[in-house]
PDB file of N, CA and C in Angstrom:
ATOM      1  N   ILE A   1      -2.662   2.500 -12.353  1.00  0.00           N
ATOM      2  CA  ILE A   1      -2.313   2.545 -11.022  1.00  0.00           C
ATOM      3  C   ILE A   1      -0.573   2.044 -11.064  1.00  0.00           C
ATOM      4  N   ILE A   2       0.035   2.657 -10.638  1.00  0.00           N
ATOM      5  CA  ILE A   2       1.243   1.855 -10.026  1.00  0.00           C
ATOM      6  C   ILE A   2       1.538   2.130  -8.564  1.00  0.00           C
ATOM      7  N   GLN A   3       1.817   0.941  -7.892  1.00  0.00           N
ATOM      8  CA  GLN A   3       1.869   0.895  -6.472  1.00  0.00           C
ATOM      9  C   GLN A   3       3.377   0.807  -6.193  1.00  0.00           C
ATOM     10  N   LYS A   4       4.110   1.721  -5.280  1.00  0.00           N
ATOM     11  CA  LYS A   4       5.221   1.167  -4.574  1.00  0.00           C
ATOM     12  C   LYS A   4       5.164   0.897  -2.945  1.00  0.00           C
ATOM     13  N   VAL A   5       5.893  -0.166  -2.787  1.00  0.00           N
ATOM     14  CA  VAL A   5       5.769  -0.603  -1.341  1.00  0.00           C
ATOM     15  C   VAL A   5       7.278  -1.059  -0.845  1.00  0.00           C
ATOM     16  N   ASN A   6       7.846  -0.710   0.010  1.00  0.00           N
ATOM     17  CA  ASN A   6       9.250  -1.413   0.791  1.00  0.00           C
ATOM     18  C   ASN A   6       9.087  -2.680   0.144  1.00  0.00           C
ATOM     19  N   THR A   7      10.045  -3.510  -0.341  1.00  0.00           N
ATOM     20  CA  THR A   7       9.740  -4.887  -0.168  1.00  0.00           C
ATOM     21  C   THR A   7      10.349  -5.799   0.936  1.00  0.00           C
ATOM     22  N   CYS A   8      11.083  -4.956   1.839  1.00  0.00           N
ATOM     23  CA  CYS A   8      11.159  -5.532   2.842  1.00  0.00           C
ATOM     24  C   CYS A   8      11.070  -4.678   4.035  1.00  0.00           C
ATOM     25  N   LEU A   9      10.799  -5.016   5.252  1.00  0.00           N
ATOM     26  CA  LEU A   9      10.357  -4.242   6.333  1.00  0.00           C
ATOM     27  C   LEU A   9      10.618  -5.149   7.768  1.00  0.00           C
ATOM     28  N   ALA A  10      11.435  -4.477   8.847  1.00  0.00           N
ATOM     29  CA  ALA A  10      11.190  -5.286  10.231  1.00  0.00           C
ATOM     30  C   ALA A  10      10.002  -4.912  10.631  1.00  0.00           C
ATOM     31  N   GLY A  11       9.502  -6.039  11.153  1.00  0.00           N
ATOM     32  CA  GLY A  11       8.613  -6.306  12.135  1.00  0.00           C
ATOM     33  C   GLY A  11       8.346  -5.056  13.140  1.00  0.00           C
ATOM     34  N   GLY A  12       7.170  -4.655  13.258  1.00  0.00           N
ATOM     35  CA  GLY A  12       7.265  -3.212  14.053  1.00  0.00           C
ATOM     36  C   GLY A  12       7.295  -1.585  13.536  1.00  0.00           C
ATOM     37  N   ALA A  13       7.801  -1.974  12.454  1.00  0.00           N
ATOM     38  CA  ALA A  13       8.161  -0.359  11.476  1.00  0.00           C
ATOM     39  C   ALA A  13       7.130  -0.038  10.779  1.00  0.00           C
ATOM     40  N   THR A  14       6.880   1.237  10.651  1.00  0.00           N
ATOM     41  CA  THR A  14       6.156   1.770  10.020  1.00  0.00           C
ATOM     42  C   THR A  14       6.769   2.197   8.469  1.00  0.00           C
ATOM     43  N   SER A  15       6.266   2.109   7.315  1.00  0.00           N
ATOM     44  CA  SER A  15       6.741   2.629   5.934  1.00  0.00           C
ATOM     45  C   SER A  15       5.794   3.418   5.334  1.00  0.00           C
ATOM     46  N   ILE A  16       6.163   4.047   4.045  1.00  0.00           N
ATOM     47  CA  ILE A  16       5.301   4.794   3.213  1.00  0.00           C
ATOM     48  C   ILE A  16       5.017   3.853   2.084  1.00  0.00           C
ATOM     49  N   GLY A  17       3.917   3.777   1.530  1.00  0.00           N
ATOM     50  CA  GLY A  17       3.801   3.107   0.222  1.00  0.00           C
ATOM     51  C   GLY A  17       2.961   4.428  -0.728  1.00  0.00           C
ATOM     52  N   THR A  18       3.262   4.201  -1.882  1.00  0.00           N
ATOM     53  CA  THR A  18       2.857   5.417  -2.822  1.00  0.00           C
ATOM     54  C   THR A  18       1.765   4.533  -4.256  1.00  0.00           C
ATOM     55  N   VAL A  19       0.875   5.084  -4.200  1.00  0.00           N
ATOM     56  CA  VAL A  19      -0.180   4.780  -5.565  1.00  0.00           C
ATOM     57  C   VAL A  19       0.216   5.785  -6.294  1.00  0.00           C
ATOM     58  N   THR A  20       0.641   5.548  -7.726  1.00  0.00           N
ATOM     59  CA  THR A  20       0.830   6.424  -8.711  1.00  0.00           C
ATOM     60  C   THR A  20      -0.058   6.100  -9.880  1.00  0.00           C
ATOM     61  N   LEU A  21      -0.801   7.148 -10.587  1.00  0.00           N
ATOM     62  CA  LEU A  21      -1.753   7.187 -11.401  1.00  0.00           C
ATOM     63  C   LEU A  21      -0.713   7.367 -12.909  1.00  0.00           C
ATOM     64  N   THR A  22      -1.343   6.984 -13.670  1.00  0.00           N
ATOM     65  CA  THR A  22      -0.804   7.200 -15.238  1.00  0.00           C
ATOM     66  C   THR A  22      -1.146   8.372 -15.909  1.00  0.00           C
ATOM     67  N   ALA A  23      -2.283   9.073 -15.171  1.00  0.00           N
ATOM     68  CA  ALA A  23      -2.494  10.223 -15.817  1.00  0.00           C
ATOM     69  C   ALA A  23      -3.111  11.369 -14.357  1.00  0.00           C
ATOM     70  N   PRO A  24      -3.317  12.400 -14.473  1.00  0.00           N
ATOM     71  CA  PRO A  24      -3.770  13.231 -13.093  1.00  0.00           C
ATOM     72  C   PRO A  24      -5.047  12.819 -12.734  1.00  0.00           C
ATOM     73  N   ALA A  25      -5.340  12.927 -11.779  1.00  0.00           N
ATOM     74  CA  ALA A  25      -6.896  12.553 -11.151  1.00  0.00           C
ATOM     75  C   ALA A  25      -7.771  13.616 -11.561  1.00  0.00           C
ATOM     76  N   PRO A  26      -9.040  13.162 -11.635  1.00  0.00           N
ATOM     77  CA  PRO A  26      -9.974  14.011 -12.090  1.00  0.00           C
ATOM     78  C   PRO A  26     -10.370  15.341 -10.795  1.00  0.00           C
ATOM     79  N   SER A  27     -11.527  15.877 -11.405  1.00  0.00           N
ATOM     80  CA  SER A  27     -11.522  16.893 -10.551  1.00  0.00           C
ATOM     81  C   SER A  27     -12.005  16.789  -9.144  1.00  0.00           C
ATOM     82  N   ALA A  28     -12.529  15.431  -8.849  1.00  0.00           N
ATOM     83  CA  ALA A  28     -13.082  15.036  -7.752  1.00  0.00           C
ATOM     84  C   ALA A  28     -12.037  14.132  -6.938  1.00  0.00           C
ATOM     85  N   GLY A  29     -11.007  13.727  -7.578  1.00  0.00           N
ATOM     86  CA  GLY A  29     -10.011  13.122  -6.875  1.00  0.00           C
ATOM     87  C   GLY A  29     -10.453  11.544  -7.507  1.00  0.00           C
ATOM     88  N   LEU A  30      -9.532  10.956  -7.064  1.00  0.00           N
ATOM     89  CA  LEU A  30      -9.815   9.559  -7.254  1.00  0.00           C
ATOM     90  C   LEU A  30      -9.643   8.544  -6.113  1.00  0.00           C
ATOM     91  N   VAL A  31     -10.186   7.733  -5.785  1.00  0.00           N
ATOM     92  CA  VAL A  31     -10.201   6.979  -4.352  1.00  0.00           C
ATOM     93  C   VAL A  31      -9.660   5.336  -4.871  1.00  0.00           C
ATOM     94  N   VAL A  32      -8.695   4.980  -4.375  1.00  0.00           N
ATOM     95  CA  VAL A  32      -7.881   3.823  -4.605  1.00  0.00           C
ATOM     96  C   VAL A  32      -8.119   2.772  -3.397  1.00  0.00           C
ATOM     97  N   LYS A  33      -8.839   1.674  -3.559  1.00  0.00           N
ATOM     98  CA  LYS A  33      -8.768   0.577  -2.641  1.00  0.00           C
ATOM     99  C   LYS A  33      -7.583  -0.015  -2.164  1.00  0.00           C
ATOM    100  N   LEU A  34      -7.372   0.059  -0.919  1.00  0.00           N
ATOM    101  CA  LEU A  34      -5.871  -0.767  -0.571  1.00  0.00           C
ATOM    102  C   LEU A  34      -6.419  -1.998   0.308  1.00  0.00           C
ATOM    103  N   SER A  35      -5.596  -3.115  -0.020  1.00  0.00           N
ATOM    104  CA  SER A  35      -5.638  -4.049   0.800  1.00  0.00           C
ATOM    105  C   SER A  35      -4.669  -4.900   1.385  1.00  0.00           C
ATOM    106  N   SER A  36      -4.474  -5.712   2.492  1.00  0.00           N
ATOM    107  CA  SER A  36      -3.194  -6.536   2.814  1.00  0.00           C
ATOM    108  C   SER A  36      -3.813  -8.081   2.882  1.00  0.00           C
ATOM    109  N   SER A  37      -3.090  -8.952   2.319  1.00  0.00           N
ATOM    110  CA  SER A  37      -3.278 -10.443   2.208  1.00  0.00           C
ATOM    111  C   SER A  37      -3.145 -10.905   3.749  1.00  0.00           C
ATOM    112  N   ASN A  38      -2.299  -9.989   4.589  1.00  0.00           N
ATOM    113  CA  ASN A  38      -1.962 -10.691   6.149  1.00  0.00           C
ATOM    114  C   ASN A  38      -2.191  -9.299   6.906  1.00  0.00           C
ATOM    115  N   PRO A  39      -3.486  -8.979   6.979  1.00  0.00           N
ATOM    116  CA  PRO A  39      -3.564  -7.837   7.954  1.00  0.00           C
ATOM    117  C   PRO A  39      -2.803  -8.058   9.475  1.00  0.00           C
ATOM    118  N   ASN A  40      -3.015  -9.155   9.911  1.00  0.00           N
ATOM    119  CA  ASN A  40      -2.447  -9.318  11.337  1.00  0.00           C
ATOM    120  C   ASN A  40      -1.127  -9.301  11.221  1.00  0.00           C
ATOM    121  N   HIS A  41      -0.148  -9.227  10.267  1.00  0.00           N
ATOM    122  CA  HIS A  41       1.241  -8.758  10.318  1.00  0.00           C
ATOM    123  C   HIS A  41       1.666  -7.368   9.580  1.00  0.00           C
ATOM    124  N   ALA A  42       0.669  -6.624   8.707  1.00  0.00           N
ATOM    125  CA  ALA A  42       0.942  -5.574   7.847  1.00  0.00           C
ATOM    126  C   ALA A  42      -0.639  -5.104   7.499  1.00  0.00           C
ATOM    127  N   LYS A  43      -0.432  -3.771   8.132  1.00  0.00           N
ATOM    128  CA  LYS A  43      -1.963  -3.054   7.903  1.00  0.00           C
ATOM    129  C   LYS A  43      -1.899  -1.736   7.001  1.00  0.00           C
ATOM    130  N   VAL A  44      -2.761  -1.317   6.297  1.00  0.00           N
ATOM    131  CA  VAL A  44      -2.840  -0.497   5.281  1.00  0.00           C
ATOM    132  C   VAL A  44      -4.238   0.119   5.534  1.00  0.00           C
ATOM    133  N   PRO A  45      -4.452   1.500   5.242  1.00  0.00           N
ATOM    134  CA  PRO A  45      -5.803   1.910   5.368  1.00  0.00           C
ATOM    135  C   PRO A  45      -6.863   1.232   4.243  1.00  0.00           C
ATOM    136  N   ALA A  46      -8.222   1.673   4.319  1.00  0.00           N
ATOM    137  CA  ALA A  46      -8.803   0.726   3.521  1.00  0.00           C
ATOM    138  C   ALA A  46      -8.587   1.448   1.905  1.00  0.00           C
ATOM    139  N   THR A  47      -8.499   2.775   2.044  1.00  0.00           N
ATOM    140  CA  THR A  47      -8.603   3.480   0.907  1.00  0.00           C
ATOM    141  C   THR A  47      -7.468   4.893   1.038  1.00  0.00           C
ATOM    142  N   VAL A  48      -7.191   5.227  -0.287  1.00  0.00           N
ATOM    143  CA  VAL A  48      -6.275   6.510  -0.364  1.00  0.00           C
ATOM    144  C   VAL A  48      -6.970   7.457  -1.487  1.00  0.00           C
ATOM    145  N   THR A  49      -6.849   8.446  -1.162  1.00  0.00           N
ATOM    146  CA  THR A  49      -7.278   9.264  -2.307  1.00  0.00           C
ATOM    147  C   THR A  49      -6.178  10.026  -2.934  1.00  0.00           C
ATOM    148  N   VAL A  50      -6.422  10.111  -4.201  1.00  0.00           N
ATOM    149  CA  VAL A  50      -5.181  10.809  -5.154  1.00  0.00           C
ATOM    150  C   VAL A  50      -5.971  12.246  -5.398  1.00  0.00           C
ATOM    151  N   PRO A  51      -5.546  13.447  -5.074  1.00  0.00           N
ATOM    152  CA  PRO A  51      -6.072  14.615  -4.945  1.00  0.00           C
ATOM    153  C   PRO A  51      -6.176  15.053  -6.481  1.00  0.00           C
ATOM    154  N   SER A  52      -7.225  15.624  -6.799  1.00  0.00           N
ATOM    155  CA  SER A  52      -7.520  16.627  -7.942  1.00  0.00           C
ATOM    156  C   SER A  52      -6.411  17.173  -8.914  1.00  0.00           C
ATOM    157  N   GLY A  53      -6.080  16.619  -9.847  1.00  0.00           N
ATOM    158  CA  GLY A  53      -4.906  17.056 -10.737  1.00  0.00           C
ATOM    159  C   GLY A  53      -3.407  16.388 -10.210  1.00  0.00           C
ATOM    160  N   SER A  54      -3.607  15.660  -9.219  1.00  0.00           N
ATOM    161  CA  SER A  54      -2.412  15.184  -8.764  1.00  0.00           C
ATOM    162  C   SER A  54      -2.367  13.768  -9.482  1.00  0.00           C
ATOM    163  N   SER A  55      -0.815  13.048  -9.583  1.00  0.00           N
ATOM    164  CA  SER A  55      -0.686  11.793  -9.898  1.00  0.00           C
ATOM    165  C   SER A  55      -0.238  10.611  -8.823  1.00  0.00           C
ATOM    166  N   SER A  56      -0.377  11.084  -7.796  1.00  0.00           N
ATOM    167  CA  SER A  56       0.055  10.096  -6.887  1.00  0.00           C
ATOM    168  C   SER A  56      -0.417  10.557  -5.614  1.00  0.00           C
ATOM    169  N   ALA A  57      -0.539   9.597  -4.404  1.00  0.00           N
ATOM    170  CA  ALA A  57      -0.814   9.716  -3.121  1.00  0.00           C
ATOM    171  C   ALA A  57       0.175   8.550  -2.148  1.00  0.00           C
ATOM    172  N   SER A  58       0.256   8.812  -1.101  1.00  0.00           N
ATOM    173  CA  SER A  58       0.863   8.260  -0.155  1.00  0.00           C
ATOM    174  C   SER A  58       0.000   7.618   0.653  1.00  0.00           C
ATOM    175  N   PHE A  59       0.286   6.603   1.262  1.00  0.00           N
ATOM    176  CA  PHE A  59      -0.183   5.829   2.562  1.00  0.00           C
ATOM    177  C   PHE A  59       0.779   4.950   3.317  1.00  0.00           C
ATOM    178  N   SER A  60       0.318   4.980   4.553  1.00  0.00           N
ATOM    179  CA  SER A  60       1.342   4.190   5.760  1.00  0.00           C
ATOM    180  C   SER A  60       1.117   2.305   5.677  1.00  0.00           C
ATOM    181  N   VAL A  61       2.142   1.911   5.924  1.00  0.00           N
ATOM    182  CA  VAL A  61       2.195   0.421   5.672  1.00  0.00           C
ATOM    183  C   VAL A  61       2.581   0.133   7.169  1.00  0.00           C
ATOM    184  N   THR A  62       1.926  -0.487   8.097  1.00  0.00           N
ATOM    185  CA  THR A  62       2.470  -0.869   9.257  1.00  0.00           C
ATOM    186  C   THR A  62       2.503  -2.096   9.700  1.00  0.00           C
ATOM    187  N   THR A  63       3.593  -2.510  10.227  1.00  0.00           N
ATOM    188  CA  THR A  63       3.474  -3.930  10.791  1.00  0.00           C
ATOM    189  C   THR A  63       3.625  -4.119  12.119  1.00  0.00           C
ATOM    190  N   VAL A  64       3.545  -5.375  12.478  1.00  0.00           N
ATOM    191  CA  VAL A  64       3.870  -5.736  13.877  1.00  0.00           C
ATOM    192  C   VAL A  64       5.066  -6.354  14.138  1.00  0.00           C
ATOM    193  N   LYS A  65       5.525  -6.616  15.338  1.00  0.00           N
ATOM    194  CA  LYS A  65       6.781  -7.413  15.559  1.00  0.00           C
ATOM    195  C   LYS A  65       6.303  -9.172  15.166  1.00  0.00           C
ATOM    196  N   VAL A  66       7.408  -9.544  14.517  1.00  0.00           N
ATOM    197  CA  VAL A  66       7.197 -11.003  14.256  1.00  0.00           C
ATOM    198  C   VAL A  66       8.057 -11.814  14.935  1.00  0.00           C
ATOM    199  N   ASN A  67       7.985 -13.219  15.159  1.00  0.00           N
ATOM    200  CA  ASN A  67       8.802 -14.209  15.557  1.00  0.00           C
ATOM    201  C   ASN A  67       9.719 -14.781  14.544  1.00  0.00           C
ATOM    202  N   ARG A  68       9.173 -14.850  13.199  1.00  0.00           N
ATOM    203  CA  ARG A  68       9.837 -15.632  12.386  1.00  0.00           C
ATOM    204  C   ARG A  68       9.547 -14.673  10.835  1.00  0.00           C
ATOM    205  N   LYS A  69      10.100 -14.826   9.885  1.00  0.00           N
ATOM    206  CA  LYS A  69       9.920 -14.035   8.616  1.00  0.00           C
ATOM    207  C   LYS A  69       8.290 -14.404   8.438  1.00  0.00           C
ATOM    208  N   ALA A  70       7.815 -13.160   8.082  1.00  0.00           N
ATOM    209  CA  ALA A  70       5.993 -13.119   7.438  1.00  0.00           C
ATOM    210  C   ALA A  70       6.084 -12.433   6.037  1.00  0.00           C
ATOM    211  N   SER A  71       5.006 -12.750   5.435  1.00  0.00           N
ATOM    212  CA  SER A  71       4.747 -11.895   4.012  1.00  0.00           C
ATOM    213  C   SER A  71       3.451 -11.345   4.018  1.00  0.00           C
ATOM    214  N   ALA A  72       3.247 -10.259   3.197  1.00  0.00           N
ATOM    215  CA  ALA A  72       1.783  -9.935   2.850  1.00  0.00           C
ATOM    216  C   ALA A  72       1.988  -9.536   1.656  1.00  0.00           C
ATOM    217  N   THR A  73       0.769  -9.660   0.785  1.00  0.00           N
ATOM    218  CA  THR A  73       0.787  -8.858  -0.920  1.00  0.00           C
ATOM    219  C   THR A  73      -0.444  -7.548  -0.466  1.00  0.00           C
ATOM    220  N   ILE A  74       0.168  -6.199  -0.677  1.00  0.00           N
ATOM    221  CA  ILE A  74      -0.249  -5.310  -0.514  1.00  0.00           C
ATOM    222  C   ILE A  74      -0.860  -4.686  -1.905  1.00  0.00           C
ATOM    223  N   THR A  75      -2.246  -4.606  -1.902  1.00  0.00           N
ATOM    224  CA  THR A  75      -3.311  -4.554  -3.196  1.00  0.00           C
ATOM    225  C   THR A  75      -3.772  -3.097  -3.400  1.00  0.00           C
ATOM    226  N   ALA A  76      -3.647  -2.585  -4.378  1.00  0.00           N
ATOM    227  CA  ALA A  76      -4.274  -1.181  -4.529  1.00  0.00           C
ATOM    228  C   ALA A  76      -4.793  -1.538  -6.188  1.00  0.00           C
ATOM    229  N   SER A  77      -6.241  -0.970  -5.969  1.00  0.00           N
ATOM    230  CA  SER A  77      -7.495  -1.029  -7.003  1.00  0.00           C
ATOM    231  C   SER A  77      -8.353  -0.232  -7.252  1.00  0.00           C
ATOM    232  N   HIS A  78      -8.709   0.116  -8.481  1.00  0.00           N
ATOM    233  CA  HIS A  78      -9.723   0.974  -9.100  1.00  0.00           C
ATOM    234  C   HIS A  78      -9.959   0.627 -10.205  1.00  0.00           C
ATOM    235  N   SER A  79     -11.532   0.442 -10.200  1.00  0.00           N
ATOM    236  CA  SER A  79     -12.210  -0.054 -11.284  1.00  0.00           C
ATOM    237  C   SER A  79     -11.523  -1.573 -11.407  1.00  0.00           C
ATOM    238  N   SER A  80     -11.236  -1.683 -12.856  1.00  0.00           N
ATOM    239  CA  SER A  80     -10.824  -2.908 -12.866  1.00  0.00           C
ATOM    240  C   SER A  80      -9.319  -3.042 -13.048  1.00  0.00           C
ATOM    241  N   VAL A  81      -8.644  -2.287 -12.511  1.00  0.00           N
ATOM    242  CA  VAL A  81      -7.209  -2.156 -12.426  1.00  0.00           C
ATOM    243  C   VAL A  81      -6.761  -2.594 -11.152  1.00  0.00           C
ATOM    244  N   LYS A  82      -6.047  -3.420 -10.832  1.00  0.00           N
ATOM    245  CA  LYS A  82      -5.356  -4.226  -9.787  1.00  0.00           C
ATOM    246  C   LYS A  82      -3.963  -4.346 -10.022  1.00  0.00           C
ATOM    247  N   LYS A  83      -3.116  -3.686  -9.020  1.00  0.00           N
ATOM    248  CA  LYS A  83      -1.681  -3.854  -8.632  1.00  0.00           C
ATOM    249  C   LYS A  83      -1.344  -4.666  -7.412  1.00  0.00           C
ATOM    250  N   THR A  84      -0.331  -5.163  -7.465  1.00  0.00           N
ATOM    251  CA  THR A  84       0.169  -5.808  -5.904  1.00  0.00           C
ATOM    252  C   THR A  84       1.488  -5.562  -5.936  1.00  0.00           C
ATOM    253  N   ALA A  85       2.129  -5.654  -4.844  1.00  0.00           N
ATOM    254  CA  ALA A  85       3.511  -5.730  -4.329  1.00  0.00           C
ATOM    255  C   ALA A  85       3.418  -6.578  -3.100  1.00  0.00           C
ATOM    256  N   LEU A  86       4.727  -7.440  -2.982  1.00  0.00           N
ATOM    257  CA  LEU A  86       4.787  -8.185  -1.903  1.00  0.00           C
ATOM    258  C   LEU A  86       5.851  -7.728  -0.950  1.00  0.00           C
ATOM    259  N   LEU A  87       5.534  -7.668   0.252  1.00  0.00           N
ATOM    260  CA  LEU A  87       6.416  -7.339   1.427  1.00  0.00           C
ATOM    261  C   LEU A  87       6.569  -8.388   2.165  1.00  0.00           C
ATOM    262  N   THR A  88       8.071  -8.259   2.413  1.00  0.00           N
ATOM    263  CA  THR A  88       8.275  -9.553   3.257  1.00  0.00           C
ATOM    264  C   THR A  88       8.873  -8.786   4.939  1.00  0.00           C
ATOM    265  N   ILE A  89       8.236  -9.305   5.882  1.00  0.00           N
ATOM    266  CA  ILE A  89       8.335  -8.576   7.298  1.00  0.00           C
ATOM    267  C   ILE A  89       9.425  -9.535   7.779  1.00  0.00           C
ATOM    268  N   THR A  90      10.564  -8.674   8.329  1.00  0.00           N
ATOM    269  CA  THR A  90      11.490  -9.646   9.194  1.00  0.00           C
ATOM    270  C   THR A  90      11.143  -9.346  10.652  1.00  0.00           C
ATOM    271  N   ARG A  91      12.004 -10.518  11.350  1.00  0.00           N
ATOM    272  CA  ARG A  91      12.623 -10.236  12.837  1.00  0.00           C
ATOM    273  C   ARG A  91      13.126  -8.933  12.983  1.00  0.00           C
ATOM    274  N   GLN A  92      13.031  -8.270  14.151  1.00  0.00           N
ATOM    275  CA  GLN A  92      13.660  -6.896  14.490  1.00  0.00           C
ATOM    276  C   GLN A  92      14.974  -7.196  15.201  1.00  0.00           C
TER     277      GLN A  92
END
């Protein structure tokens, strides 16, 4: 699993993250779990499904307005594989 998320985002903005597999997903697709270390400031869906035969899927990252810089680690995991990306949330 390779995960990409913008590294810096203004509070109140929405961005798109991408989960990329090293091989195409199986016929039933592949469910990847997502989480945020700071869900009060950066929200992601609980899962994203990579469709059958595809090697990637996108998901929304939604932030809230902040009074000072904040951060969140976005994690994508499947089975024993776990990848993280650090997101910095700035004042708008």
